[in-house]
């Protein structure tokens, strides 16, 4: 009878999470408006969020990024990605921020010739 020694190894493979990127109030805003981008990695915790604008690394931080007073230089395509140690998530969907100049209204007062 042959005796075989074996060791059982358990390995779990998981897909990389893909964050969902949302913008409030909307992606088309006026100069001076406030915009908040949210990068949702789901129920997973302990992630550092990496923000990108126009394919360039922009900042690292929380899952929300608020631009208090939008300017034309903030216009572009934003994405986020999560990092925990040496592990990275996929990139999120892309959100395009379009900045329009301030709308202006001109009021005229008309008198009846008196």
PDB file of N, CA and C in Angstrom:
ATOM      1  N   UNK A   1       0.831  -1.156   0.000  1.00  0.00           N
ATOM      2  CA  UNK A   1       0.000   0.000   0.000  1.00  0.00           C
ATOM      3  C   UNK A   1       0.888   1.235   0.000  1.00  0.00           C
ATOM      4  N   UNK A   2       0.568   2.177  -0.884  1.00  0.00           N
ATOM      5  CA  UNK A   2       1.316   3.429  -0.970  1.00  0.00           C
ATOM      6  C   UNK A   2       0.635   4.498  -0.131  1.00  0.00           C
ATOM      7  N   UNK A   3       1.435   5.166   0.629  1.00  0.00           N
ATOM      8  CA  UNK A   3       0.903   6.259   1.425  1.00  0.00           C
ATOM      9  C   UNK A   3       1.353   7.559   0.764  1.00  0.00           C
ATOM     10  N   UNK A   4       0.409   8.444   0.454  1.00  0.00           N
ATOM     11  CA  UNK A   4       0.712   9.704  -0.214  1.00  0.00           C
ATOM     12  C   UNK A   4       0.502  10.841   0.779  1.00  0.00           C
ATOM     13  N   UNK A   5       1.551  11.625   0.921  1.00  0.00           N
ATOM     14  CA  UNK A   5       1.420  12.822   1.758  1.00  0.00           C
ATOM     15  C   UNK A   5       0.973  13.977   0.871  1.00  0.00           C
ATOM     16  N   UNK A   6      -0.017  14.672   1.310  1.00  0.00           N
ATOM     17  CA  UNK A   6      -0.474  15.817   0.527  1.00  0.00           C
ATOM     18  C   UNK A   6      -0.853  16.953   1.466  1.00  0.00           C
ATOM     19  N   UNK A   7      -0.758  18.123   0.927  1.00  0.00           N
ATOM     20  CA  UNK A   7      -1.140  19.316   1.668  1.00  0.00           C
ATOM     21  C   UNK A   7      -2.218  20.022   0.871  1.00  0.00           C
ATOM     22  N   UNK A   8      -3.242  20.409   1.549  1.00  0.00           N
ATOM     23  CA  UNK A   8      -4.345  21.103   0.902  1.00  0.00           C
ATOM     24  C   UNK A   8      -4.146  22.605   1.077  1.00  0.00           C
ATOM     25  N   UNK A   9      -4.163  23.321  -0.029  1.00  0.00           N
ATOM     26  CA  UNK A   9      -4.047  24.782   0.004  1.00  0.00           C
ATOM     27  C   UNK A   9      -5.364  25.359  -0.471  1.00  0.00           C
ATOM     28  N   UNK A  10      -5.805  26.370   0.231  1.00  0.00           N
ATOM     29  CA  UNK A  10      -7.052  27.031  -0.140  1.00  0.00           C
ATOM     30  C   UNK A  10      -6.713  28.403  -0.714  1.00  0.00           C
ATOM     31  N   UNK A  11      -7.221  28.673  -1.892  1.00  0.00           N
ATOM     32  CA  UNK A  11      -6.934  29.933  -2.561  1.00  0.00           C
ATOM     33  C   UNK A  11      -8.254  30.543  -3.011  1.00  0.00           C
ATOM     34  N   UNK A  12      -8.444  31.802  -2.708  1.00  0.00           N
ATOM     35  CA  UNK A  12      -9.654  32.495  -3.131  1.00  0.00           C
ATOM     36  C   UNK A  12      -9.277  33.568  -4.138  1.00  0.00           C
ATOM     37  N   UNK A  13      -9.887  33.507  -5.294  1.00  0.00           N
ATOM     38  CA  UNK A  13      -9.660  34.520  -6.318  1.00  0.00           C
ATOM     39  C   UNK A  13     -10.853  35.458  -6.336  1.00  0.00           C
ATOM     40  N   UNK A  14     -10.582  36.728  -6.328  1.00  0.00           N
ATOM     41  CA  UNK A  14     -11.670  37.693  -6.393  1.00  0.00           C
ATOM     42  C   UNK A  14     -11.391  38.673  -7.516  1.00  0.00           C
ATOM     43  N   UNK A  15     -12.460  39.133  -8.128  1.00  0.00           N
ATOM     44  CA  UNK A  15     -12.324  40.163  -9.147  1.00  0.00           C
ATOM     45  C   UNK A  15     -11.969  41.473  -8.470  1.00  0.00           C
ATOM     46  N   UNK A  16     -11.275  42.309  -9.206  1.00  0.00           N
ATOM     47  CA  UNK A  16     -10.993  43.642  -8.691  1.00  0.00           C
ATOM     48  C   UNK A  16     -12.303  44.422  -8.664  1.00  0.00           C
ATOM     49  N   UNK A  17     -12.547  45.137  -7.582  1.00  0.00           N
ATOM     50  CA  UNK A  17     -13.768  45.948  -7.565  1.00  0.00           C
ATOM     51  C   UNK A  17     -13.646  47.106  -8.553  1.00  0.00           C
ATOM     52  N   UNK A  18     -14.784  47.553  -9.067  1.00  0.00           N
ATOM     53  CA  UNK A  18     -14.809  48.717  -9.954  1.00  0.00           C
ATOM     54  C   UNK A  18     -15.665  49.782  -9.282  1.00  0.00           C
ATOM     55  N   UNK A  19     -15.040  50.873  -8.835  1.00  0.00           N
ATOM     56  CA  UNK A  19     -15.804  51.928  -8.175  1.00  0.00           C
ATOM     57  C   UNK A  19     -16.803  52.577  -9.128  1.00  0.00           C
ATOM     58  N   UNK A  20     -17.867  53.113  -8.551  1.00  0.00           N
ATOM     59  CA  UNK A  20     -18.857  53.870  -9.314  1.00  0.00           C
ATOM     60  C   UNK A  20     -18.658  55.346  -9.000  1.00  0.00           C
ATOM     61  N   UNK A  21     -18.451  56.151 -10.031  1.00  0.00           N
ATOM     62  CA  UNK A  21     -18.222  57.584  -9.856  1.00  0.00           C
ATOM     63  C   UNK A  21     -19.491  58.346 -10.209  1.00  0.00           C
ATOM     64  N   UNK A  22     -19.929  59.206  -9.287  1.00  0.00           N
ATOM     65  CA  UNK A  22     -21.107  60.037  -9.523  1.00  0.00           C
ATOM     66  C   UNK A  22     -20.751  61.494  -9.257  1.00  0.00           C
ATOM     67  N   UNK A  23     -21.562  62.397  -9.813  1.00  0.00           N
ATOM     68  CA  UNK A  23     -21.330  63.832  -9.636  1.00  0.00           C
ATOM     69  C   UNK A  23     -22.647  64.503  -9.248  1.00  0.00           C
ATOM     70  N   UNK A  24     -22.555  65.448  -8.307  1.00  0.00           N
ATOM     71  CA  UNK A  24     -23.729  66.228  -7.907  1.00  0.00           C
ATOM     72  C   UNK A  24     -23.339  67.694  -7.881  1.00  0.00           C
ATOM     73  N   UNK A  25     -24.166  68.599  -8.337  1.00  0.00           N
ATOM     74  CA  UNK A  25     -25.539  68.367  -8.736  1.00  0.00           C
ATOM     75  C   UNK A  25     -25.663  67.781 -10.137  1.00  0.00           C
ATOM     76  N   UNK A  26     -24.727  68.087 -11.028  1.00  0.00           N
ATOM     77  CA  UNK A  26     -24.740  67.563 -12.396  1.00  0.00           C
ATOM     78  C   UNK A  26     -23.370  67.797 -13.004  1.00  0.00           C
ATOM     79  N   UNK A  27     -23.137  67.249 -14.183  1.00  0.00           N
ATOM     80  CA  UNK A  27     -21.803  67.365 -14.779  1.00  0.00           C
ATOM     81  C   UNK A  27     -21.629  68.623 -15.621  1.00  0.00           C
ATOM     82  N   UNK A  28     -22.709  69.335 -15.896  1.00  0.00           N
ATOM     83  CA  UNK A  28     -22.619  70.596 -16.624  1.00  0.00           C
ATOM     84  C   UNK A  28     -22.968  71.712 -15.639  1.00  0.00           C
ATOM     85  N   UNK A  29     -21.981  72.556 -15.329  1.00  0.00           N
ATOM     86  CA  UNK A  29     -22.157  73.554 -14.275  1.00  0.00           C
ATOM     87  C   UNK A  29     -21.688  74.924 -14.751  1.00  0.00           C
ATOM     88  N   UNK A  30     -22.022  75.937 -13.975  1.00  0.00           N
ATOM     89  CA  UNK A  30     -21.582  77.295 -14.259  1.00  0.00           C
ATOM     90  C   UNK A  30     -20.385  77.645 -13.387  1.00  0.00           C
ATOM     91  N   UNK A  31     -19.562  78.560 -13.867  1.00  0.00           N
ATOM     92  CA  UNK A  31     -18.430  79.056 -13.089  1.00  0.00           C
ATOM     93  C   UNK A  31     -18.928  79.501 -11.717  1.00  0.00           C
ATOM     94  N   UNK A  32     -18.217  79.078 -10.668  1.00  0.00           N
ATOM     95  CA  UNK A  32     -18.591  79.454  -9.308  1.00  0.00           C
ATOM     96  C   UNK A  32     -19.480  78.450  -8.604  1.00  0.00           C
ATOM     97  N   UNK A  33     -20.063  77.504  -9.351  1.00  0.00           N
ATOM     98  CA  UNK A  33     -20.901  76.473  -8.729  1.00  0.00           C
ATOM     99  C   UNK A  33     -20.055  75.529  -7.882  1.00  0.00           C
ATOM    100  N   UNK A  34     -20.725  74.811  -7.004  1.00  0.00           N
ATOM    101  CA  UNK A  34     -20.079  73.781  -6.185  1.00  0.00           C
ATOM    102  C   UNK A  34     -20.380  72.416  -6.799  1.00  0.00           C
ATOM    103  N   UNK A  35     -19.349  71.578  -6.916  1.00  0.00           N
ATOM    104  CA  UNK A  35     -19.506  70.237  -7.487  1.00  0.00           C
ATOM    105  C   UNK A  35     -18.896  69.221  -6.531  1.00  0.00           C
ATOM    106  N   UNK A  36     -19.599  68.108  -6.330  1.00  0.00           N
ATOM    107  CA  UNK A  36     -19.069  67.036  -5.493  1.00  0.00           C
ATOM    108  C   UNK A  36     -19.023  65.747  -6.295  1.00  0.00           C
ATOM    109  N   UNK A  37     -17.834  65.162  -6.393  1.00  0.00           N
ATOM    110  CA  UNK A  37     -17.639  63.865  -7.033  1.00  0.00           C
ATOM    111  C   UNK A  37     -17.568  62.814  -5.928  1.00  0.00           C
ATOM    112  N   UNK A  38     -18.250  61.688  -6.123  1.00  0.00           N
ATOM    113  CA  UNK A  38     -18.235  60.604  -5.134  1.00  0.00           C
ATOM    114  C   UNK A  38     -17.771  59.318  -5.788  1.00  0.00           C
ATOM    115  N   UNK A  39     -16.775  58.681  -5.180  1.00  0.00           N
ATOM    116  CA  UNK A  39     -16.203  57.432  -5.677  1.00  0.00           C
ATOM    117  C   UNK A  39     -16.620  56.316  -4.722  1.00  0.00           C
ATOM    118  N   UNK A  40     -17.556  55.489  -5.147  1.00  0.00           N
ATOM    119  CA  UNK A  40     -18.120  54.448  -4.288  1.00  0.00           C
ATOM    120  C   UNK A  40     -17.505  53.092  -4.612  1.00  0.00           C
ATOM    121  N   UNK A  41     -16.773  52.537  -3.644  1.00  0.00           N
ATOM    122  CA  UNK A  41     -16.146  51.228  -3.818  1.00  0.00           C
ATOM    123  C   UNK A  41     -17.062  50.126  -3.283  1.00  0.00           C
ATOM    124  N   UNK A  42     -18.217  50.494  -2.805  1.00  0.00           N
ATOM    125  CA  UNK A  42     -19.151  49.503  -2.281  1.00  0.00           C
ATOM    126  C   UNK A  42     -18.962  49.302  -0.793  1.00  0.00           C
ATOM    127  N   UNK A  43     -19.213  48.094  -0.334  1.00  0.00           N
ATOM    128  CA  UNK A  43     -19.173  47.776   1.086  1.00  0.00           C
ATOM    129  C   UNK A  43     -17.753  47.589   1.605  1.00  0.00           C
ATOM    130  N   UNK A  44     -16.788  47.644   0.727  1.00  0.00           N
ATOM    131  CA  UNK A  44     -15.407  47.398   1.133  1.00  0.00           C
ATOM    132  C   UNK A  44     -14.842  48.615   1.857  1.00  0.00           C
ATOM    133  N   UNK A  45     -14.065  48.372   2.914  1.00  0.00           N
ATOM    134  CA  UNK A  45     -13.516  49.471   3.701  1.00  0.00           C
ATOM    135  C   UNK A  45     -11.993  49.469   3.648  1.00  0.00           C
ATOM    136  N   UNK A  46     -11.415  50.543   4.128  1.00  0.00           N
ATOM    137  CA  UNK A  46      -9.964  50.631   4.221  1.00  0.00           C
ATOM    138  C   UNK A  46      -9.269  51.062   2.948  1.00  0.00           C
ATOM    139  N   UNK A  47     -10.002  51.608   2.007  1.00  0.00           N
ATOM    140  CA  UNK A  47      -9.424  52.019   0.734  1.00  0.00           C
ATOM    141  C   UNK A  47      -8.995  53.477   0.773  1.00  0.00           C
ATOM    142  N   UNK A  48      -7.931  53.784   0.064  1.00  0.00           N
ATOM    143  CA  UNK A  48      -7.534  55.157  -0.219  1.00  0.00           C
ATOM    144  C   UNK A  48      -7.956  55.426  -1.654  1.00  0.00           C
ATOM    145  N   UNK A  49      -8.596  56.559  -1.885  1.00  0.00           N
ATOM    146  CA  UNK A  49      -9.091  56.871  -3.224  1.00  0.00           C
ATOM    147  C   UNK A  49      -8.060  57.717  -3.974  1.00  0.00           C
ATOM    148  N   UNK A  50      -7.778  57.303  -5.187  1.00  0.00           N
ATOM    149  CA  UNK A  50      -6.857  58.018  -6.073  1.00  0.00           C
ATOM    150  C   UNK A  50      -7.692  58.687  -7.163  1.00  0.00           C
ATOM    151  N   UNK A  51      -7.589  59.988  -7.262  1.00  0.00           N
ATOM    152  CA  UNK A  51      -8.361  60.747  -8.237  1.00  0.00           C
ATOM    153  C   UNK A  51      -7.510  61.079  -9.455  1.00  0.00           C
ATOM    154  N   UNK A  52      -8.149  61.034 -10.631  1.00  0.00           N
ATOM    155  CA  UNK A  52      -7.467  61.382 -11.882  1.00  0.00           C
ATOM    156  C   UNK A  52      -8.338  62.367 -12.652  1.00  0.00           C
ATOM    157  N   UNK A  53      -7.660  63.309 -13.282  1.00  0.00           N
ATOM    158  CA  UNK A  53      -8.342  64.255 -14.170  1.00  0.00           C
ATOM    159  C   UNK A  53      -7.592  64.244 -15.489  1.00  0.00           C
ATOM    160  N   UNK A  54      -8.325  63.995 -16.566  1.00  0.00           N
ATOM    161  CA  UNK A  54      -7.725  63.950 -17.910  1.00  0.00           C
ATOM    162  C   UNK A  54      -6.507  63.029 -17.957  1.00  0.00           C
ATOM    163  N   UNK A  55      -6.626  61.849 -17.360  1.00  0.00           N
ATOM    164  CA  UNK A  55      -5.593  60.803 -17.341  1.00  0.00           C
ATOM    165  C   UNK A  55      -4.337  61.176 -16.564  1.00  0.00           C
ATOM    166  N   UNK A  56      -4.397  62.221 -15.755  1.00  0.00           N
ATOM    167  CA  UNK A  56      -3.249  62.612 -14.926  1.00  0.00           C
ATOM    168  C   UNK A  56      -3.629  62.467 -13.460  1.00  0.00           C
ATOM    169  N   UNK A  57      -2.709  61.918 -12.667  1.00  0.00           N
ATOM    170  CA  UNK A  57      -2.961  61.814 -11.235  1.00  0.00           C
ATOM    171  C   UNK A  57      -3.170  63.205 -10.679  1.00  0.00           C
ATOM    172  N   UNK A  58      -4.230  63.344  -9.885  1.00  0.00           N
ATOM    173  CA  UNK A  58      -4.527  64.663  -9.352  1.00  0.00           C
ATOM    174  C   UNK A  58      -4.399  64.713  -7.840  1.00  0.00           C
ATOM    175  N   UNK A  59      -4.988  63.766  -7.150  1.00  0.00           N
ATOM    176  CA  UNK A  59      -4.922  63.794  -5.696  1.00  0.00           C
ATOM    177  C   UNK A  59      -5.252  62.427  -5.115  1.00  0.00           C
ATOM    178  N   UNK A  60      -4.963  62.297  -3.847  1.00  0.00           N
ATOM    179  CA  UNK A  60      -5.258  61.085  -3.100  1.00  0.00           C
ATOM    180  C   UNK A  60      -6.077  61.501  -1.895  1.00  0.00           C
ATOM    181  N   UNK A  61      -7.051  60.691  -1.536  1.00  0.00           N
ATOM    182  CA  UNK A  61      -7.817  61.075  -0.358  1.00  0.00           C
ATOM    183  C   UNK A  61      -9.083  60.296  -0.157  1.00  0.00           C
ATOM    184  N   UNK A  62     -10.103  61.025   0.245  1.00  0.00           N
ATOM    185  CA  UNK A  62     -11.383  60.441   0.608  1.00  0.00           C
ATOM    186  C   UNK A  62     -12.192  60.065  -0.622  1.00  0.00           C
ATOM    187  N   UNK A  63     -13.325  59.412  -0.355  1.00  0.00           N
ATOM    188  CA  UNK A  63     -14.168  58.987  -1.471  1.00  0.00           C
ATOM    189  C   UNK A  63     -15.030  60.110  -2.030  1.00  0.00           C
ATOM    190  N   UNK A  64     -14.988  61.285  -1.426  1.00  0.00           N
ATOM    191  CA  UNK A  64     -15.661  62.438  -2.020  1.00  0.00           C
ATOM    192  C   UNK A  64     -14.644  63.537  -2.284  1.00  0.00           C
ATOM    193  N   UNK A  65     -14.837  64.200  -3.404  1.00  0.00           N
ATOM    194  CA  UNK A  65     -13.962  65.313  -3.802  1.00  0.00           C
ATOM    195  C   UNK A  65     -14.882  66.474  -4.135  1.00  0.00           C
ATOM    196  N   UNK A  66     -14.755  67.546  -3.379  1.00  0.00           N
ATOM    197  CA  UNK A  66     -15.621  68.700  -3.585  1.00  0.00           C
ATOM    198  C   UNK A  66     -14.813  69.867  -4.134  1.00  0.00           C
ATOM    199  N   UNK A  67     -15.338  70.451  -5.196  1.00  0.00           N
ATOM    200  CA  UNK A  67     -14.772  71.676  -5.752  1.00  0.00           C
ATOM    201  C   UNK A  67     -15.747  72.779  -5.350  1.00  0.00           C
ATOM    202  N   UNK A  68     -15.326  73.637  -4.436  1.00  0.00           N
ATOM    203  CA  UNK A  68     -16.229  74.640  -3.860  1.00  0.00           C
ATOM    204  C   UNK A  68     -16.675  75.691  -4.867  1.00  0.00           C
ATOM    205  N   UNK A  69     -15.775  76.137  -5.716  1.00  0.00           N
ATOM    206  CA  UNK A  69     -16.099  77.167  -6.697  1.00  0.00           C
ATOM    207  C   UNK A  69     -15.452  76.783  -8.029  1.00  0.00           C
ATOM    208  N   UNK A  70     -16.230  76.152  -8.878  1.00  0.00           N
ATOM    209  CA  UNK A  70     -15.720  75.610 -10.138  1.00  0.00           C
ATOM    210  C   UNK A  70     -15.239  76.731 -11.055  1.00  0.00           C
ATOM    211  N   UNK A  71     -14.108  76.483 -11.709  1.00  0.00           N
ATOM    212  CA  UNK A  71     -13.611  77.409 -12.729  1.00  0.00           C
ATOM    213  C   UNK A  71     -13.361  76.608 -14.010  1.00  0.00           C
ATOM    214  N   UNK A  72     -13.068  77.305 -15.081  1.00  0.00           N
ATOM    215  CA  UNK A  72     -12.841  76.649 -16.366  1.00  0.00           C
ATOM    216  C   UNK A  72     -11.702  75.636 -16.265  1.00  0.00           C
ATOM    217  N   UNK A  73     -10.720  75.893 -15.416  1.00  0.00           N
ATOM    218  CA  UNK A  73      -9.590  74.962 -15.273  1.00  0.00           C
ATOM    219  C   UNK A  73     -10.001  73.629 -14.640  1.00  0.00           C
ATOM    220  N   UNK A  74     -11.180  73.574 -14.020  1.00  0.00           N
ATOM    221  CA  UNK A  74     -11.679  72.323 -13.433  1.00  0.00           C
ATOM    222  C   UNK A  74     -12.382  71.443 -14.462  1.00  0.00           C
ATOM    223  N   UNK A  75     -12.634  71.985 -15.645  1.00  0.00           N
ATOM    224  CA  UNK A  75     -13.307  71.232 -16.698  1.00  0.00           C
ATOM    225  C   UNK A  75     -12.431  70.064 -17.136  1.00  0.00           C
ATOM    226  N   UNK A  76     -13.055  68.913 -17.385  1.00  0.00           N
ATOM    227  CA  UNK A  76     -12.297  67.758 -17.855  1.00  0.00           C
ATOM    228  C   UNK A  76     -12.973  66.449 -17.500  1.00  0.00           C
ATOM    229  N   UNK A  77     -12.258  65.363 -17.748  1.00  0.00           N
ATOM    230  CA  UNK A  77     -12.764  64.017 -17.482  1.00  0.00           C
ATOM    231  C   UNK A  77     -12.143  63.480 -16.199  1.00  0.00           C
ATOM    232  N   UNK A  78     -12.996  63.081 -15.275  1.00  0.00           N
ATOM    233  CA  UNK A  78     -12.560  62.592 -13.968  1.00  0.00           C
ATOM    234  C   UNK A  78     -12.820  61.096 -13.838  1.00  0.00           C
ATOM    235  N   UNK A  79     -11.889  60.423 -13.168  1.00  0.00           N
ATOM    236  CA  UNK A  79     -12.027  58.998 -12.837  1.00  0.00           C
ATOM    237  C   UNK A  79     -11.438  58.800 -11.453  1.00  0.00           C
ATOM    238  N   UNK A  80     -11.784  57.697 -10.839  1.00  0.00           N
ATOM    239  CA  UNK A  80     -11.182  57.376  -9.551  1.00  0.00           C
ATOM    240  C   UNK A  80     -10.814  55.902  -9.530  1.00  0.00           C
ATOM    241  N   UNK A  81     -10.012  55.578  -8.555  1.00  0.00           N
ATOM    242  CA  UNK A  81      -9.546  54.207  -8.382  1.00  0.00           C
ATOM    243  C   UNK A  81      -9.224  54.054  -6.903  1.00  0.00           C
ATOM    244  N   UNK A  82      -9.376  52.860  -6.380  1.00  0.00           N
ATOM    245  CA  UNK A  82      -9.114  52.631  -4.963  1.00  0.00           C
ATOM    246  C   UNK A  82      -7.825  51.840  -4.774  1.00  0.00           C
ATOM    247  N   UNK A  83      -7.144  52.122  -3.668  1.00  0.00           N
ATOM    248  CA  UNK A  83      -5.897  51.431  -3.344  1.00  0.00           C
ATOM    249  C   UNK A  83      -5.939  51.012  -1.880  1.00  0.00           C
ATOM    250  N   UNK A  84      -5.476  49.785  -1.642  1.00  0.00           N
ATOM    251  CA  UNK A  84      -5.289  49.284  -0.278  1.00  0.00           C
ATOM    252  C   UNK A  84      -3.991  48.505  -0.291  1.00  0.00           C
ATOM    253  N   UNK A  85      -2.949  49.101   0.300  1.00  0.00           N
ATOM    254  CA  UNK A  85      -1.627  48.476   0.243  1.00  0.00           C
ATOM    255  C   UNK A  85      -1.119  48.474  -1.183  1.00  0.00           C
ATOM    256  N   UNK A  86      -0.728  47.296  -1.668  1.00  0.00           N
ATOM    257  CA  UNK A  86      -0.255  47.159  -3.050  1.00  0.00           C
ATOM    258  C   UNK A  86      -1.356  46.698  -3.997  1.00  0.00           C
ATOM    259  N   UNK A  87      -2.591  46.708  -3.535  1.00  0.00           N
ATOM    260  CA  UNK A  87      -3.714  46.220  -4.333  1.00  0.00           C
ATOM    261  C   UNK A  87      -4.523  47.408  -4.845  1.00  0.00           C
ATOM    262  N   UNK A  88      -4.832  47.394  -6.143  1.00  0.00           N
ATOM    263  CA  UNK A  88      -5.585  48.477  -6.771  1.00  0.00           C
ATOM    264  C   UNK A  88      -6.874  47.943  -7.371  1.00  0.00           C
ATOM    265  N   UNK A  89      -7.915  48.746  -7.305  1.00  0.00           N
ATOM    266  CA  UNK A  89      -9.164  48.402  -7.981  1.00  0.00           C
ATOM    267  C   UNK A  89      -9.035  48.768  -9.457  1.00  0.00           C
ATOM    268  N   UNK A  90     -10.070  48.449 -10.215  1.00  0.00           N
ATOM    269  CA  UNK A  90     -10.153  48.944 -11.588  1.00  0.00           C
ATOM    270  C   UNK A  90     -10.446  50.439 -11.525  1.00  0.00           C
ATOM    271  N   UNK A  91     -10.336  51.115 -12.666  1.00  0.00           N
ATOM    272  CA  UNK A  91     -10.746  52.508 -12.722  1.00  0.00           C
ATOM    273  C   UNK A  91     -12.263  52.582 -12.802  1.00  0.00           C
ATOM    274  N   UNK A  92     -12.811  53.639 -12.269  1.00  0.00           N
ATOM    275  CA  UNK A  92     -14.254  53.863 -12.322  1.00  0.00           C
ATOM    276  C   UNK A  92     -14.670  54.268 -13.732  1.00  0.00           C
ATOM    277  N   UNK A  93     -15.965  54.451 -13.890  1.00  0.00           N
ATOM    278  CA  UNK A  93     -16.492  55.081 -15.094  1.00  0.00           C
ATOM    279  C   UNK A  93     -15.957  56.519 -15.152  1.00  0.00           C
ATOM    280  N   UNK A  94     -16.036  57.128 -16.307  1.00  0.00           N
ATOM    281  CA  UNK A  94     -15.560  58.504 -16.488  1.00  0.00           C
ATOM    282  C   UNK A  94     -16.722  59.478 -16.358  1.00  0.00           C
ATOM    283  N   UNK A  95     -16.487  60.571 -15.632  1.00  0.00           N
ATOM    284  CA  UNK A  95     -17.465  61.655 -15.537  1.00  0.00           C
ATOM    285  C   UNK A  95     -16.820  62.891 -16.150  1.00  0.00           C
ATOM    286  N   UNK A  96     -17.511  63.502 -17.101  1.00  0.00           N
ATOM    287  CA  UNK A  96     -16.983  64.702 -17.758  1.00  0.00           C
ATOM    288  C   UNK A  96     -17.653  65.935 -17.157  1.00  0.00           C
ATOM    289  N   UNK A  97     -16.818  66.831 -16.629  1.00  0.00           N
ATOM    290  CA  UNK A  97     -17.320  68.089 -16.081  1.00  0.00           C
ATOM    291  C   UNK A  97     -17.174  69.165 -17.155  1.00  0.00           C
ATOM    292  N   UNK A  98     -18.283  69.817 -17.472  1.00  0.00           N
ATOM    293  CA  UNK A  98     -18.293  70.914 -18.430  1.00  0.00           C
ATOM    294  C   UNK A  98     -18.636  72.191 -17.675  1.00  0.00           C
ATOM    295  N   UNK A  99     -17.795  73.209 -17.811  1.00  0.00           N
ATOM    296  CA  UNK A  99     -17.999  74.467 -17.094  1.00  0.00           C
ATOM    297  C   UNK A  99     -18.413  75.546 -18.089  1.00  0.00           C
ATOM    298  N   UNK A 100     -19.563  76.151 -17.811  1.00  0.00           N
ATOM    299  CA  UNK A 100     -20.068  77.237 -18.652  1.00  0.00           C
ATOM    300  C   UNK A 100     -19.817  78.561 -17.938  1.00  0.00           C
ATOM    301  N   UNK A 101     -19.675  79.623 -18.712  1.00  0.00           N
ATOM    302  CA  UNK A 101     -19.517  80.949 -18.111  1.00  0.00           C
ATOM    303  C   UNK A 101     -20.767  81.319 -17.338  1.00  0.00           C
ATOM    304  N   UNK A 102     -20.634  82.263 -16.431  1.00  0.00           N
ATOM    305  CA  UNK A 102     -21.786  82.692 -15.643  1.00  0.00           C
ATOM    306  C   UNK A 102     -22.882  83.183 -16.569  1.00  0.00           C
ATOM    307  N   UNK A 103     -24.086  82.777 -16.264  1.00  0.00           N
ATOM    308  CA  UNK A 103     -25.203  83.306 -17.030  1.00  0.00           C
ATOM    309  C   UNK A 103     -25.471  84.720 -16.529  1.00  0.00           C
ATOM    310  N   UNK A 104     -25.859  85.582 -17.416  1.00  0.00           N
ATOM    311  CA  UNK A 104     -26.131  86.955 -16.991  1.00  0.00           C
ATOM    312  C   UNK A 104     -27.504  87.372 -17.484  1.00  0.00           C
ATOM    313  N   UNK A 105     -28.171  88.092 -16.641  1.00  0.00           N
ATOM    314  CA  UNK A 105     -29.475  88.634 -16.990  1.00  0.00           C
ATOM    315  C   UNK A 105     -29.366  90.149 -16.948  1.00  0.00           C
ATOM    316  N   UNK A 106     -29.951  90.796 -17.908  1.00  0.00           N
ATOM    317  CA  UNK A 106     -29.975  92.251 -17.919  1.00  0.00           C
ATOM    318  C   UNK A 106     -31.415  92.690 -17.756  1.00  0.00           C
ATOM    319  N   UNK A 107     -31.643  93.563 -16.795  1.00  0.00           N
ATOM    320  CA  UNK A 107     -32.991  94.056 -16.550  1.00  0.00           C
ATOM    321  C   UNK A 107     -33.094  95.492 -17.050  1.00  0.00           C
ATOM    322  N   UNK A 108     -34.176  95.790 -17.726  1.00  0.00           N
ATOM    323  CA  UNK A 108     -34.437  97.133 -18.215  1.00  0.00           C
ATOM    324  C   UNK A 108     -35.724  97.624 -17.581  1.00  0.00           C
ATOM    325  N   UNK A 109     -35.732  98.894 -17.253  1.00  0.00           N
ATOM    326  CA  UNK A 109     -36.944  99.511 -16.725  1.00  0.00           C
ATOM    327  C   UNK A 109     -37.453 100.487 -17.778  1.00  0.00           C
ATOM    328  N   UNK A 110     -38.706 100.341 -18.154  1.00  0.00           N
ATOM    329  CA  UNK A 110     -39.305 101.212 -19.158  1.00  0.00           C
ATOM    330  C   UNK A 110     -40.353 102.083 -18.483  1.00  0.00           C
ATOM    331  N   UNK A 111     -40.352 103.336 -18.876  1.00  0.00           N
ATOM    332  CA  UNK A 111     -41.345 104.276 -18.364  1.00  0.00           C
ATOM    333  C   UNK A 111     -42.232 104.701 -19.523  1.00  0.00           C
ATOM    334  N   UNK A 112     -43.434 105.069 -19.218  1.00  0.00           N
ATOM    335  CA  UNK A 112     -44.387 105.462 -20.247  1.00  0.00           C
ATOM    336  C   UNK A 112     -44.240 106.927 -20.650  1.00  0.00           C
ATOM    337  N   UNK A 113     -43.071 107.460 -20.664  1.00  0.00           N
ATOM    338  CA  UNK A 113     -42.856 108.836 -21.102  1.00  0.00           C
ATOM    339  C   UNK A 113     -43.201 109.861 -20.046  1.00  0.00           C
ATOM    340  N   UNK A 114     -43.477 109.462 -18.872  1.00  0.00           N
ATOM    341  CA  UNK A 114     -43.798 110.412 -17.815  1.00  0.00           C
ATOM    342  C   UNK A 114     -42.654 110.578 -16.892  1.00  0.00           C
TER     343      UNK A 114
END
